[in-house]
Amino acid sequence: MSEKKRRFVTAQEIDGMTAIKSPHAHELESLGKAKVDIFLKNKKRRIKILVENNLNGRVENLGFGEDYTVTFEFFPEVMIHLLFYNYEDEEDLAMGEAEIKVLFSGERVMWVPTEDSVSLLESTLEYLENLLSINPEIYGLSGEKSELLKTAITQREEPFKYLKSEHLNDLAKFVGGSIKQNTMSWTLSKTYFKGITVSAIYNLKNQQLDLGYEGENLIRINNYARDQLGIFLLNHCLRFIAVTYPNITMPNIVKQAFSYSYIKRNF
């Protein structure tokens, strides 16, 4: 195997399982089967335009014999690759009509649990599917946060009090976002997709955490996907907090933000 191919890892490796297939690896297989029609029914050129112009991804070829690969770098050094295989030749038909395989790469990809990656990938593919639709669905925006999101924010709030102002710019680089701060609060914003930005807002006086959403394309993703984008941003912040302040005893939610393979090596 070439050095290029060795830098890619599977869900199995991230999950830290070798003897049996992990549940999340099964979930990725099921997701691939459910969404392969996106790539079968649409020309590569159309996929490429939407992926690169709207989803901040890229279409490339990794050299694994795939027709093409769609790559999303959701956070710096956290990349997910969807390898699309369309078995058109008679010799290939025994493999099935088409399939999607998923690989991961990046220096920090082993930090992120595949549970997060699967959910993020599912939301991304549903968004792509909606953009490709003749009649894209429009989702209403609620003025109230869901109970899921409220609970997620509360569970993750405490570790943010340890963040020092001199580390906020590094946090922004870590998540691939931007930071604004004043004497009262700071706001960390990340644009996942064109027209879809999520912000973590921290009130320094009250030590309270919140999430905000903005962008013209928010109405094109469903409410659950919006919640997940916010939770994923908070989870990645927790990873930064953990490695930046290793001598502070953190609540258990911080450990839970990491993959099982990372936990085995570092906790």
C-alpha atoms as a PDB file:
ATOM      1  CA  MET A   1       0.000   0.000   0.000  1.00  0.00           C
ATOM      2  CA  SER A   2       1.327   3.448  -0.904  1.00  0.00           C
ATOM      3  CA  GLU A   3       2.090   6.113   1.677  1.00  0.00           C
ATOM      4  CA  LYS A   4      -0.828   8.108   0.286  1.00  0.00           C
ATOM      5  CA  LYS A   5      -3.277   5.326   1.032  1.00  0.00           C
ATOM      6  CA  ARG A   6      -1.880   4.707   4.510  1.00  0.00           C
ATOM      7  CA  ARG A   7      -3.006   8.100   5.751  1.00  0.00           C
ATOM      8  CA  PHE A   8      -6.653   7.073   5.435  1.00  0.00           C
ATOM      9  CA  VAL A   9      -8.481   5.315   8.257  1.00  0.00           C
ATOM     10  CA  THR A  10     -11.793   3.511   8.610  1.00  0.00           C
ATOM     11  CA  ALA A  11     -14.620   3.802  11.106  1.00  0.00           C
ATOM     12  CA  GLN A  12     -13.364   0.559  12.622  1.00  0.00           C
ATOM     13  CA  GLU A  13     -10.027   2.141  13.479  1.00  0.00           C
ATOM     14  CA  ILE A  14     -11.619   5.261  14.951  1.00  0.00           C
ATOM     15  CA  ASP A  15     -13.937   3.077  17.019  1.00  0.00           C
ATOM     16  CA  GLY A  16     -10.915   1.082  18.195  1.00  0.00           C
ATOM     17  CA  MET A  17     -12.411  -2.241  17.104  1.00  0.00           C
ATOM     18  CA  THR A  18     -10.715  -4.869  14.964  1.00  0.00           C
ATOM     19  CA  ALA A  19     -12.285  -8.268  15.626  1.00  0.00           C
ATOM     20  CA  ILE A  20     -15.887  -7.364  14.800  1.00  0.00           C
ATOM     21  CA  LYS A  21     -17.481  -4.594  12.802  1.00  0.00           C
ATOM     22  CA  SER A  22     -18.454  -1.665  15.012  1.00  0.00           C
ATOM     23  CA  PRO A  23     -22.074  -0.455  15.178  1.00  0.00           C
ATOM     24  CA  HIS A  24     -21.069   2.857  13.636  1.00  0.00           C
ATOM     25  CA  ALA A  25     -19.361   1.085  10.732  1.00  0.00           C
ATOM     26  CA  HIS A  26     -22.688  -0.678  10.131  1.00  0.00           C
ATOM     27  CA  GLU A  27     -24.449   2.697  10.293  1.00  0.00           C
ATOM     28  CA  LEU A  28     -22.103   4.086   7.637  1.00  0.00           C
ATOM     29  CA  GLU A  29     -22.847   1.109   5.399  1.00  0.00           C
ATOM     30  CA  SER A  30     -26.589   1.649   5.826  1.00  0.00           C
ATOM     31  CA  LEU A  31     -26.209   5.367   5.158  1.00  0.00           C
ATOM     32  CA  GLY A  32     -24.226   4.630   1.994  1.00  0.00           C
ATOM     33  CA  LYS A  33     -26.911   2.279   0.715  1.00  0.00           C
ATOM     34  CA  ALA A  34     -29.651   4.782   1.521  1.00  0.00           C
ATOM     35  CA  LYS A  35     -27.918   7.692  -0.217  1.00  0.00           C
ATOM     36  CA  VAL A  36     -26.115   6.055  -3.158  1.00  0.00           C
ATOM     37  CA  ASP A  37     -28.951   7.097  -5.487  1.00  0.00           C
ATOM     38  CA  ILE A  38     -27.854  10.704  -5.048  1.00  0.00           C
ATOM     39  CA  PHE A  39     -24.742   9.864  -7.055  1.00  0.00           C
ATOM     40  CA  LEU A  40     -26.388   7.379  -9.403  1.00  0.00           C
ATOM     41  CA  LYS A  41     -29.122   9.735 -10.540  1.00  0.00           C
ATOM     42  CA  ASN A  42     -27.054  12.899 -10.913  1.00  0.00           C
ATOM     43  CA  LYS A  43     -24.148  13.723 -13.169  1.00  0.00           C
ATOM     44  CA  LYS A  44     -20.744  14.156 -11.588  1.00  0.00           C
ATOM     45  CA  ARG A  45     -20.580  17.721 -12.907  1.00  0.00           C
ATOM     46  CA  ARG A  46     -23.775  18.705 -11.093  1.00  0.00           C
ATOM     47  CA  ILE A  47     -22.624  17.055  -7.888  1.00  0.00           C
ATOM     48  CA  LYS A  48     -19.283  18.848  -8.161  1.00  0.00           C
ATOM     49  CA  ILE A  49     -20.880  22.274  -8.635  1.00  0.00           C
ATOM     50  CA  LEU A  50     -23.131  21.936  -5.597  1.00  0.00           C
ATOM     51  CA  VAL A  51     -20.518  20.297  -3.370  1.00  0.00           C
ATOM     52  CA  GLU A  52     -17.864  22.895  -4.107  1.00  0.00           C
ATOM     53  CA  ASN A  53     -20.070  25.993  -4.348  1.00  0.00           C
ATOM     54  CA  ASN A  54     -22.610  25.273  -1.618  1.00  0.00           C
ATOM     55  CA  LEU A  55     -21.222  22.637   0.758  1.00  0.00           C
ATOM     56  CA  ASN A  56     -17.588  23.757   1.127  1.00  0.00           C
ATOM     57  CA  GLY A  57     -16.452  20.325  -0.069  1.00  0.00           C
ATOM     58  CA  ARG A  58     -14.537  19.087  -3.074  1.00  0.00           C
ATOM     59  CA  VAL A  59     -14.746  16.341  -5.686  1.00  0.00           C
ATOM     60  CA  GLU A  60     -11.503  14.460  -6.279  1.00  0.00           C
ATOM     61  CA  ASN A  61     -10.012  11.027  -6.894  1.00  0.00           C
ATOM     62  CA  LEU A  62      -8.073   9.301  -4.129  1.00  0.00           C
ATOM     63  CA  GLY A  63      -6.741   6.441  -6.230  1.00  0.00           C
ATOM     64  CA  PHE A  64      -8.767   3.615  -4.716  1.00  0.00           C
ATOM     65  CA  GLY A  65     -10.414   2.690  -8.027  1.00  0.00           C
ATOM     66  CA  GLU A  66     -13.463   4.807  -7.317  1.00  0.00           C
ATOM     67  CA  ASP A  67     -15.353   6.750  -9.987  1.00  0.00           C
ATOM     68  CA  TYR A  68     -14.837   9.836  -7.841  1.00  0.00           C
ATOM     69  CA  THR A  69     -14.680  10.909  -4.217  1.00  0.00           C
ATOM     70  CA  VAL A  70     -16.561  13.655  -2.399  1.00  0.00           C
ATOM     71  CA  THR A  71     -14.517  15.100   0.479  1.00  0.00           C
ATOM     72  CA  PHE A  72     -15.769  17.246   3.336  1.00  0.00           C
ATOM     73  CA  GLU A  73     -13.375  18.872   5.795  1.00  0.00           C
ATOM     74  CA  PHE A  74     -15.849  19.628   8.545  1.00  0.00           C
ATOM     75  CA  PHE A  75     -13.120  20.880  10.861  1.00  0.00           C
ATOM     76  CA  PRO A  76      -9.426  21.509  10.095  1.00  0.00           C
ATOM     77  CA  GLU A  77      -7.676  18.122   9.846  1.00  0.00           C
ATOM     78  CA  VAL A  78     -11.011  16.276  10.189  1.00  0.00           C
ATOM     79  CA  MET A  79     -11.956  14.986   6.745  1.00  0.00           C
ATOM     80  CA  ILE A  80     -14.584  12.506   5.603  1.00  0.00           C
ATOM     81  CA  HIS A  81     -14.340  10.977   2.136  1.00  0.00           C
ATOM     82  CA  LEU A  82     -17.241   9.364   0.271  1.00  0.00           C
ATOM     83  CA  LEU A  83     -15.885   7.090  -2.447  1.00  0.00           C
ATOM     84  CA  PHE A  84     -18.493   6.439  -5.156  1.00  0.00           C
ATOM     85  CA  TYR A  85     -18.244   3.236  -7.193  1.00  0.00           C
ATOM     86  CA  ASN A  86     -20.556   2.744 -10.165  1.00  0.00           C
ATOM     87  CA  TYR A  87     -20.175  -0.836 -11.422  1.00  0.00           C
ATOM     88  CA  GLU A  88     -21.173  -0.425 -15.056  1.00  0.00           C
ATOM     89  CA  ASP A  89     -18.997  -3.139 -16.634  1.00  0.00           C
ATOM     90  CA  GLU A  90     -20.312  -6.708 -16.825  1.00  0.00           C
ATOM     91  CA  GLU A  91     -17.350  -7.941 -14.799  1.00  0.00           C
ATOM     92  CA  ASP A  92     -18.301  -5.551 -12.022  1.00  0.00           C
ATOM     93  CA  LEU A  93     -22.026  -6.272 -11.905  1.00  0.00           C
ATOM     94  CA  ALA A  94     -21.482  -9.059  -9.383  1.00  0.00           C
ATOM     95  CA  MET A  95     -20.487  -6.292  -6.942  1.00  0.00           C
ATOM     96  CA  GLY A  96     -23.907  -4.684  -7.316  1.00  0.00           C
ATOM     97  CA  GLU A  97     -25.076  -1.637  -9.217  1.00  0.00           C
ATOM     98  CA  ALA A  98     -23.188   0.931  -7.153  1.00  0.00           C
ATOM     99  CA  GLU A  99     -21.896   1.597  -3.661  1.00  0.00           C
ATOM    100  CA  ILE A 100     -20.403   4.215  -1.407  1.00  0.00           C
ATOM    101  CA  LYS A 101     -17.417   3.564   0.817  1.00  0.00           C
ATOM    102  CA  VAL A 102     -16.344   5.966   3.554  1.00  0.00           C
ATOM    103  CA  LEU A 103     -12.797   6.782   4.655  1.00  0.00           C
ATOM    104  CA  PHE A 104     -11.424   9.368   7.042  1.00  0.00           C
ATOM    105  CA  SER A 105      -8.210  11.383   7.101  1.00  0.00           C
ATOM    106  CA  GLY A 106      -6.521  14.261   8.887  1.00  0.00           C
ATOM    107  CA  GLU A 107      -4.338  14.662  11.959  1.00  0.00           C
ATOM    108  CA  ARG A 108      -7.350  15.127  14.242  1.00  0.00           C
ATOM    109  CA  VAL A 109      -9.827  12.771  12.601  1.00  0.00           C
ATOM    110  CA  MET A 110      -9.101  10.074  15.184  1.00  0.00           C
ATOM    111  CA  TRP A 111     -10.226  12.481  17.909  1.00  0.00           C
ATOM    112  CA  VAL A 112     -13.822  12.643  16.663  1.00  0.00           C
ATOM    113  CA  PRO A 113     -16.166   9.753  17.503  1.00  0.00           C
ATOM    114  CA  THR A 114     -17.734   8.145  14.467  1.00  0.00           C
ATOM    115  CA  GLU A 115     -21.120   8.758  16.068  1.00  0.00           C
ATOM    116  CA  ASP A 116     -20.593  12.474  15.415  1.00  0.00           C
ATOM    117  CA  SER A 117     -19.205  11.816  11.941  1.00  0.00           C
ATOM    118  CA  VAL A 118     -22.132   9.616  10.893  1.00  0.00           C
ATOM    119  CA  SER A 119     -24.707  12.166  12.049  1.00  0.00           C
ATOM    120  CA  LEU A 120     -22.855  15.047  10.421  1.00  0.00           C
ATOM    121  CA  LEU A 121     -22.467  13.118   7.183  1.00  0.00           C
ATOM    122  CA  GLU A 122     -26.139  12.162   7.171  1.00  0.00           C
ATOM    123  CA  SER A 123     -27.188  15.793   7.626  1.00  0.00           C
ATOM    124  CA  THR A 124     -24.831  16.846   4.839  1.00  0.00           C
ATOM    125  CA  LEU A 125     -26.138  14.266   2.376  1.00  0.00           C
ATOM    126  CA  GLU A 126     -29.743  15.154   3.166  1.00  0.00           C
ATOM    127  CA  TYR A 127     -28.905  18.784   2.499  1.00  0.00           C
ATOM    128  CA  LEU A 128     -27.230  17.859  -0.800  1.00  0.00           C
ATOM    129  CA  GLU A 129     -30.237  15.730  -1.714  1.00  0.00           C
ATOM    130  CA  ASN A 130     -32.536  18.672  -1.042  1.00  0.00           C
ATOM    131  CA  LEU A 131     -30.406  21.012  -3.169  1.00  0.00           C
ATOM    132  CA  LEU A 132     -30.555  18.507  -6.040  1.00  0.00           C
ATOM    133  CA  SER A 133     -34.329  18.172  -5.817  1.00  0.00           C
ATOM    134  CA  ILE A 134     -36.579  19.703  -8.465  1.00  0.00           C
ATOM    135  CA  ASN A 135     -38.721  21.108  -5.663  1.00  0.00           C
ATOM    136  CA  PRO A 136     -36.395  21.694  -2.688  1.00  0.00           C
ATOM    137  CA  GLU A 137     -38.094  21.486   0.668  1.00  0.00           C
ATOM    138  CA  ILE A 138     -38.222  24.605   2.810  1.00  0.00           C
ATOM    139  CA  TYR A 139     -38.155  24.181   6.581  1.00  0.00           C
ATOM    140  CA  GLY A 140     -39.641  26.702   8.952  1.00  0.00           C
ATOM    141  CA  LEU A 141     -37.432  28.407  11.508  1.00  0.00           C
ATOM    142  CA  SER A 142     -38.564  28.160  15.097  1.00  0.00           C
ATOM    143  CA  GLY A 143     -37.915  30.988  17.510  1.00  0.00           C
ATOM    144  CA  GLU A 144     -37.523  28.490  20.329  1.00  0.00           C
ATOM    145  CA  LYS A 145     -34.708  26.007  20.811  1.00  0.00           C
ATOM    146  CA  SER A 146     -35.637  22.348  20.968  1.00  0.00           C
ATOM    147  CA  GLU A 147     -35.377  20.498  24.271  1.00  0.00           C
ATOM    148  CA  LEU A 148     -32.553  18.451  22.719  1.00  0.00           C
ATOM    149  CA  LEU A 149     -30.519  21.567  22.006  1.00  0.00           C
ATOM    150  CA  LYS A 150     -31.257  23.171  25.379  1.00  0.00           C
ATOM    151  CA  THR A 151     -30.093  20.029  27.158  1.00  0.00           C
ATOM    152  CA  ALA A 152     -26.974  19.744  24.993  1.00  0.00           C
ATOM    153  CA  ILE A 153     -25.954  23.325  25.751  1.00  0.00           C
ATOM    154  CA  THR A 154     -26.498  22.894  29.492  1.00  0.00           C
ATOM    155  CA  GLN A 155     -24.497  19.657  29.564  1.00  0.00           C
ATOM    156  CA  ARG A 156     -21.531  21.294  27.803  1.00  0.00           C
ATOM    157  CA  GLU A 157     -21.544  24.706  29.469  1.00  0.00           C
ATOM    158  CA  GLU A 158     -19.204  24.218  32.461  1.00  0.00           C
ATOM    159  CA  PRO A 159     -15.889  23.559  30.617  1.00  0.00           C
ATOM    160  CA  PHE A 160     -16.197  26.840  28.696  1.00  0.00           C
ATOM    161  CA  LYS A 161     -15.460  28.827  31.865  1.00  0.00           C
ATOM    162  CA  TYR A 162     -11.855  27.590  31.686  1.00  0.00           C
ATOM    163  CA  LEU A 163     -11.203  29.177  28.286  1.00  0.00           C
ATOM    164  CA  LYS A 164      -8.810  32.113  28.540  1.00  0.00           C
ATOM    165  CA  SER A 165      -9.046  35.074  26.201  1.00  0.00           C
ATOM    166  CA  GLU A 166      -5.506  34.502  24.888  1.00  0.00           C
ATOM    167  CA  HIS A 167      -6.563  31.076  23.584  1.00  0.00           C
ATOM    168  CA  LEU A 168      -9.705  32.156  21.720  1.00  0.00           C
ATOM    169  CA  ASN A 169      -7.927  32.825  18.438  1.00  0.00           C
ATOM    170  CA  ASP A 170      -6.422  29.338  18.608  1.00  0.00           C
ATOM    171  CA  LEU A 171      -9.890  27.932  19.278  1.00  0.00           C
ATOM    172  CA  ALA A 172     -11.193  29.680  16.164  1.00  0.00           C
ATOM    173  CA  LYS A 173      -8.420  28.139  14.070  1.00  0.00           C
ATOM    174  CA  PHE A 174      -9.098  24.743  15.628  1.00  0.00           C
ATOM    175  CA  VAL A 175     -12.766  24.741  14.557  1.00  0.00           C
ATOM    176  CA  GLY A 176     -12.194  26.584  11.276  1.00  0.00           C
ATOM    177  CA  GLY A 177     -14.162  29.629  12.352  1.00  0.00           C
ATOM    178  CA  SER A 178     -13.796  33.223  13.511  1.00  0.00           C
ATOM    179  CA  ILE A 179     -13.921  34.885  16.918  1.00  0.00           C
ATOM    180  CA  LYS A 180     -15.270  38.196  18.173  1.00  0.00           C
ATOM    181  CA  GLN A 181     -14.796  39.229  21.773  1.00  0.00           C
ATOM    182  CA  ASN A 182     -15.347  42.131  24.127  1.00  0.00           C
ATOM    183  CA  THR A 183     -15.302  42.631  27.888  1.00  0.00           C
ATOM    184  CA  MET A 184     -18.747  41.051  28.290  1.00  0.00           C
ATOM    185  CA  SER A 185     -18.741  38.063  25.952  1.00  0.00           C
ATOM    186  CA  TRP A 186     -17.193  36.264  23.012  1.00  0.00           C
ATOM    187  CA  THR A 187     -18.758  34.751  19.897  1.00  0.00           C
ATOM    188  CA  LEU A 188     -17.242  31.879  17.932  1.00  0.00           C
ATOM    189  CA  SER A 189     -18.773  31.536  14.459  1.00  0.00           C
ATOM    190  CA  LYS A 190     -18.371  28.696  11.994  1.00  0.00           C
ATOM    191  CA  THR A 191     -19.826  28.506   8.485  1.00  0.00           C
ATOM    192  CA  TYR A 192     -20.433  24.828   7.798  1.00  0.00           C
ATOM    193  CA  PHE A 193     -22.009  25.427   4.390  1.00  0.00           C
ATOM    194  CA  LYS A 194     -22.610  28.503   2.261  1.00  0.00           C
ATOM    195  CA  GLY A 195     -25.362  30.469   3.976  1.00  0.00           C
ATOM    196  CA  ILE A 196     -25.390  28.294   7.118  1.00  0.00           C
ATOM    197  CA  THR A 197     -23.430  29.682  10.070  1.00  0.00           C
ATOM    198  CA  VAL A 198     -23.515  28.490  13.668  1.00  0.00           C
ATOM    199  CA  SER A 199     -22.207  30.576  16.577  1.00  0.00           C
ATOM    200  CA  ALA A 200     -21.246  29.593  20.111  1.00  0.00           C
ATOM    201  CA  ILE A 201     -21.839  32.603  22.367  1.00  0.00           C
ATOM    202  CA  TYR A 202     -20.366  32.793  25.853  1.00  0.00           C
ATOM    203  CA  ASN A 203     -21.389  35.395  28.432  1.00  0.00           C
ATOM    204  CA  LEU A 204     -18.312  36.057  30.575  1.00  0.00           C
ATOM    205  CA  LYS A 205     -20.244  37.714  33.396  1.00  0.00           C
ATOM    206  CA  ASN A 206     -22.880  35.014  33.879  1.00  0.00           C
ATOM    207  CA  GLN A 207     -20.723  32.138  32.547  1.00  0.00           C
ATOM    208  CA  GLN A 208     -23.603  31.117  30.307  1.00  0.00           C
ATOM    209  CA  LEU A 209     -23.294  29.378  26.946  1.00  0.00           C
ATOM    210  CA  ASP A 210     -25.670  29.732  24.019  1.00  0.00           C
ATOM    211  CA  LEU A 211     -25.938  28.862  20.328  1.00  0.00           C
ATOM    212  CA  GLY A 212     -27.056  31.094  17.479  1.00  0.00           C
ATOM    213  CA  TYR A 213     -27.825  30.411  13.828  1.00  0.00           C
ATOM    214  CA  GLU A 214     -27.830  32.654  10.772  1.00  0.00           C
ATOM    215  CA  GLY A 215     -27.737  32.485   6.987  1.00  0.00           C
ATOM    216  CA  GLU A 216     -30.076  32.456   4.026  1.00  0.00           C
ATOM    217  CA  ASN A 217     -29.845  28.685   3.603  1.00  0.00           C
ATOM    218  CA  LEU A 218     -30.892  27.698   7.132  1.00  0.00           C
ATOM    219  CA  ILE A 219     -34.387  27.078   5.786  1.00  0.00           C
ATOM    220  CA  ARG A 220     -32.997  24.332   3.538  1.00  0.00           C
ATOM    221  CA  ILE A 221     -31.956  22.017   6.383  1.00  0.00           C
ATOM    222  CA  ASN A 222     -34.327  20.458   8.882  1.00  0.00           C
ATOM    223  CA  ASN A 223     -34.530  21.404  12.558  1.00  0.00           C
ATOM    224  CA  TYR A 224     -32.743  18.282  13.783  1.00  0.00           C
ATOM    225  CA  ALA A 225     -29.818  18.887  11.406  1.00  0.00           C
ATOM    226  CA  ARG A 226     -29.538  22.479  12.646  1.00  0.00           C
ATOM    227  CA  ASP A 227     -29.381  21.225  16.223  1.00  0.00           C
ATOM    228  CA  GLN A 228     -26.710  18.694  15.301  1.00  0.00           C
ATOM    229  CA  LEU A 229     -24.500  21.326  13.649  1.00  0.00           C
ATOM    230  CA  GLY A 230     -24.587  23.336  16.859  1.00  0.00           C
ATOM    231  CA  ILE A 231     -23.855  20.320  19.059  1.00  0.00           C
ATOM    232  CA  PHE A 232     -20.957  19.259  16.809  1.00  0.00           C
ATOM    233  CA  LEU A 233     -19.439  22.731  17.143  1.00  0.00           C
ATOM    234  CA  LEU A 234     -19.679  22.574  20.940  1.00  0.00           C
ATOM    235  CA  ASN A 235     -18.191  19.072  20.960  1.00  0.00           C
ATOM    236  CA  HIS A 236     -15.184  20.229  18.962  1.00  0.00           C
ATOM    237  CA  CYS A 237     -14.737  23.136  21.369  1.00  0.00           C
ATOM    238  CA  LEU A 238     -14.662  20.608  24.214  1.00  0.00           C
ATOM    239  CA  ARG A 239     -11.854  18.743  22.456  1.00  0.00           C
ATOM    240  CA  PHE A 240      -9.861  21.962  22.222  1.00  0.00           C
ATOM    241  CA  ILE A 241     -10.485  22.741  25.893  1.00  0.00           C
ATOM    242  CA  ALA A 242      -9.347  19.260  26.927  1.00  0.00           C
ATOM    243  CA  VAL A 243      -6.013  19.396  25.104  1.00  0.00           C
ATOM    244  CA  THR A 244      -5.356  23.043  25.971  1.00  0.00           C
ATOM    245  CA  TYR A 245      -5.924  22.607  29.716  1.00  0.00           C
ATOM    246  CA  PRO A 246      -4.857  19.008  30.427  1.00  0.00           C
ATOM    247  CA  ASN A 247      -4.213  19.648  34.123  1.00  0.00           C
ATOM    248  CA  ILE A 248      -7.781  20.736  34.875  1.00  0.00           C
ATOM    249  CA  THR A 249     -10.223  18.059  35.987  1.00  0.00           C
ATOM    250  CA  MET A 250     -13.065  18.342  33.507  1.00  0.00           C
ATOM    251  CA  PRO A 251     -16.635  17.010  33.738  1.00  0.00           C
ATOM    252  CA  ASN A 252     -17.233  13.666  32.063  1.00  0.00           C
ATOM    253  CA  ILE A 253     -18.910  15.269  29.034  1.00  0.00           C
ATOM    254  CA  VAL A 254     -15.453  16.364  27.839  1.00  0.00           C
ATOM    255  CA  LYS A 255     -14.157  12.805  27.727  1.00  0.00           C
ATOM    256  CA  GLN A 256     -17.324  11.731  25.915  1.00  0.00           C
ATOM    257  CA  ALA A 257     -16.540  14.204  23.120  1.00  0.00           C
ATOM    258  CA  PHE A 258     -13.613  12.024  21.991  1.00  0.00           C
ATOM    259  CA  SER A 259     -13.547   8.780  20.032  1.00  0.00           C
ATOM    260  CA  TYR A 260     -13.072   5.475  21.821  1.00  0.00           C
ATOM    261  CA  SER A 261      -9.633   4.966  20.235  1.00  0.00           C
ATOM    262  CA  TYR A 262      -8.498   8.411  21.450  1.00  0.00           C
ATOM    263  CA  ILE A 263      -9.858   7.744  24.939  1.00  0.00           C
ATOM    264  CA  LYS A 264      -7.942   4.463  25.139  1.00  0.00           C
ATOM    265  CA  ARG A 265      -4.679   6.246  24.313  1.00  0.00           C
ATOM    266  CA  ASN A 266      -5.054   9.433  26.298  1.00  0.00           C
ATOM    267  CA  PHE A 267      -7.417   9.052  29.275  1.00  0.00           C
END
